[in-house]
């Protein structure tokens, strides 16, 4: 089992390399436990335009989904 910092903002980040870390863990058949899914709360404090788009797509979801 490995614990990885994974969220959609860091998925392709060159410094964090969340996608690459996930792919390597799965390549070795490791169970992945995820932390930082909302980046310390920063991903739920969205700009108004982003909130509007998310509400249009999934009005019943929270911003933390």
C-alpha atoms as a PDB file:
ATOM      1  CA  UNK A   1       0.000   0.000   0.000  1.00  0.00           C
ATOM      2  CA  UNK A   2       1.148   3.555  -0.725  1.00  0.00           C
ATOM      3  CA  UNK A   3      -0.324   6.902   0.257  1.00  0.00           C
ATOM      4  CA  UNK A   4      -0.158   9.550  -2.448  1.00  0.00           C
ATOM      5  CA  UNK A   5      -0.977  13.223  -2.675  1.00  0.00           C
ATOM      6  CA  UNK A   6      -3.479  13.294  -5.531  1.00  0.00           C
ATOM      7  CA  UNK A   7      -5.913  15.943  -6.718  1.00  0.00           C
ATOM      8  CA  UNK A   8      -6.927  17.231 -10.134  1.00  0.00           C
ATOM      9  CA  UNK A   9      -4.819  20.382  -9.829  1.00  0.00           C
ATOM     10  CA  UNK A  10      -1.579  18.475  -9.171  1.00  0.00           C
ATOM     11  CA  UNK A  11      -2.248  15.568 -11.560  1.00  0.00           C
ATOM     12  CA  UNK A  12       0.157  16.891 -14.225  1.00  0.00           C
ATOM     13  CA  UNK A  13       2.281  19.171 -12.001  1.00  0.00           C
ATOM     14  CA  UNK A  14       5.979  18.601 -12.799  1.00  0.00           C
ATOM     15  CA  UNK A  15       7.044  19.053  -9.174  1.00  0.00           C
ATOM     16  CA  UNK A  16       4.483  16.748  -7.568  1.00  0.00           C
ATOM     17  CA  UNK A  17       4.029  14.263 -10.429  1.00  0.00           C
ATOM     18  CA  UNK A  18       0.815  12.804  -9.002  1.00  0.00           C
ATOM     19  CA  UNK A  19      -0.097  11.005 -12.224  1.00  0.00           C
ATOM     20  CA  UNK A  20       3.342   9.444 -12.575  1.00  0.00           C
ATOM     21  CA  UNK A  21       3.397   8.330  -8.929  1.00  0.00           C
ATOM     22  CA  UNK A  22      -0.054   6.783  -9.284  1.00  0.00           C
ATOM     23  CA  UNK A  23       0.900   4.961 -12.476  1.00  0.00           C
ATOM     24  CA  UNK A  24       4.071   3.548 -10.893  1.00  0.00           C
ATOM     25  CA  UNK A  25       2.162   2.361  -7.814  1.00  0.00           C
ATOM     26  CA  UNK A  26      -0.453   0.632  -9.981  1.00  0.00           C
ATOM     27  CA  UNK A  27       2.260  -0.871 -12.206  1.00  0.00           C
ATOM     28  CA  UNK A  28       3.572  -2.612  -9.080  1.00  0.00           C
ATOM     29  CA  UNK A  29       0.023  -3.637  -8.094  1.00  0.00           C
ATOM     30  CA  UNK A  30       0.006  -1.458  -4.974  1.00  0.00           C
ATOM     31  CA  UNK A  31      -3.172  -0.294  -3.283  1.00  0.00           C
ATOM     32  CA  UNK A  32      -3.283   3.526  -3.410  1.00  0.00           C
ATOM     33  CA  UNK A  33      -4.613   5.594  -0.505  1.00  0.00           C
ATOM     34  CA  UNK A  34      -5.201   9.206  -1.496  1.00  0.00           C
ATOM     35  CA  UNK A  35      -4.516  12.331   0.585  1.00  0.00           C
ATOM     36  CA  UNK A  36      -4.852  16.026  -0.297  1.00  0.00           C
ATOM     37  CA  UNK A  37      -7.848  15.489  -2.571  1.00  0.00           C
ATOM     38  CA  UNK A  38      -8.981  19.067  -2.014  1.00  0.00           C
ATOM     39  CA  UNK A  39      -5.447  20.510  -1.655  1.00  0.00           C
ATOM     40  CA  UNK A  40      -5.773  21.592   1.949  1.00  0.00           C
ATOM     41  CA  UNK A  41      -9.194  23.125   1.234  1.00  0.00           C
ATOM     42  CA  UNK A  42      -7.961  25.310  -1.608  1.00  0.00           C
ATOM     43  CA  UNK A  43      -9.938  23.428  -4.242  1.00  0.00           C
ATOM     44  CA  UNK A  44     -13.270  24.219  -2.605  1.00  0.00           C
ATOM     45  CA  UNK A  45     -12.636  27.991  -2.707  1.00  0.00           C
ATOM     46  CA  UNK A  46     -13.298  28.333  -6.412  1.00  0.00           C
ATOM     47  CA  UNK A  47     -13.617  31.459  -8.560  1.00  0.00           C
ATOM     48  CA  UNK A  48     -17.228  32.371  -9.311  1.00  0.00           C
ATOM     49  CA  UNK A  49     -16.940  31.322 -12.982  1.00  0.00           C
ATOM     50  CA  UNK A  50     -15.728  27.858 -11.957  1.00  0.00           C
ATOM     51  CA  UNK A  51     -18.574  27.540  -9.442  1.00  0.00           C
ATOM     52  CA  UNK A  52     -21.063  28.529 -12.128  1.00  0.00           C
ATOM     53  CA  UNK A  53     -19.724  25.901 -14.547  1.00  0.00           C
ATOM     54  CA  UNK A  54     -19.748  23.189 -11.901  1.00  0.00           C
ATOM     55  CA  UNK A  55     -23.279  24.097 -10.825  1.00  0.00           C
ATOM     56  CA  UNK A  56     -24.454  23.838 -14.432  1.00  0.00           C
ATOM     57  CA  UNK A  57     -22.859  20.402 -14.848  1.00  0.00           C
ATOM     58  CA  UNK A  58     -23.676  18.896 -11.440  1.00  0.00           C
ATOM     59  CA  UNK A  59     -25.966  21.126  -9.362  1.00  0.00           C
ATOM     60  CA  UNK A  60     -26.308  18.517  -6.611  1.00  0.00           C
ATOM     61  CA  UNK A  61     -22.540  18.024  -6.090  1.00  0.00           C
ATOM     62  CA  UNK A  62     -20.404  19.879  -3.588  1.00  0.00           C
ATOM     63  CA  UNK A  63     -17.292  21.680  -4.847  1.00  0.00           C
ATOM     64  CA  UNK A  64     -15.165  19.146  -2.998  1.00  0.00           C
ATOM     65  CA  UNK A  65     -16.233  16.273  -5.317  1.00  0.00           C
END
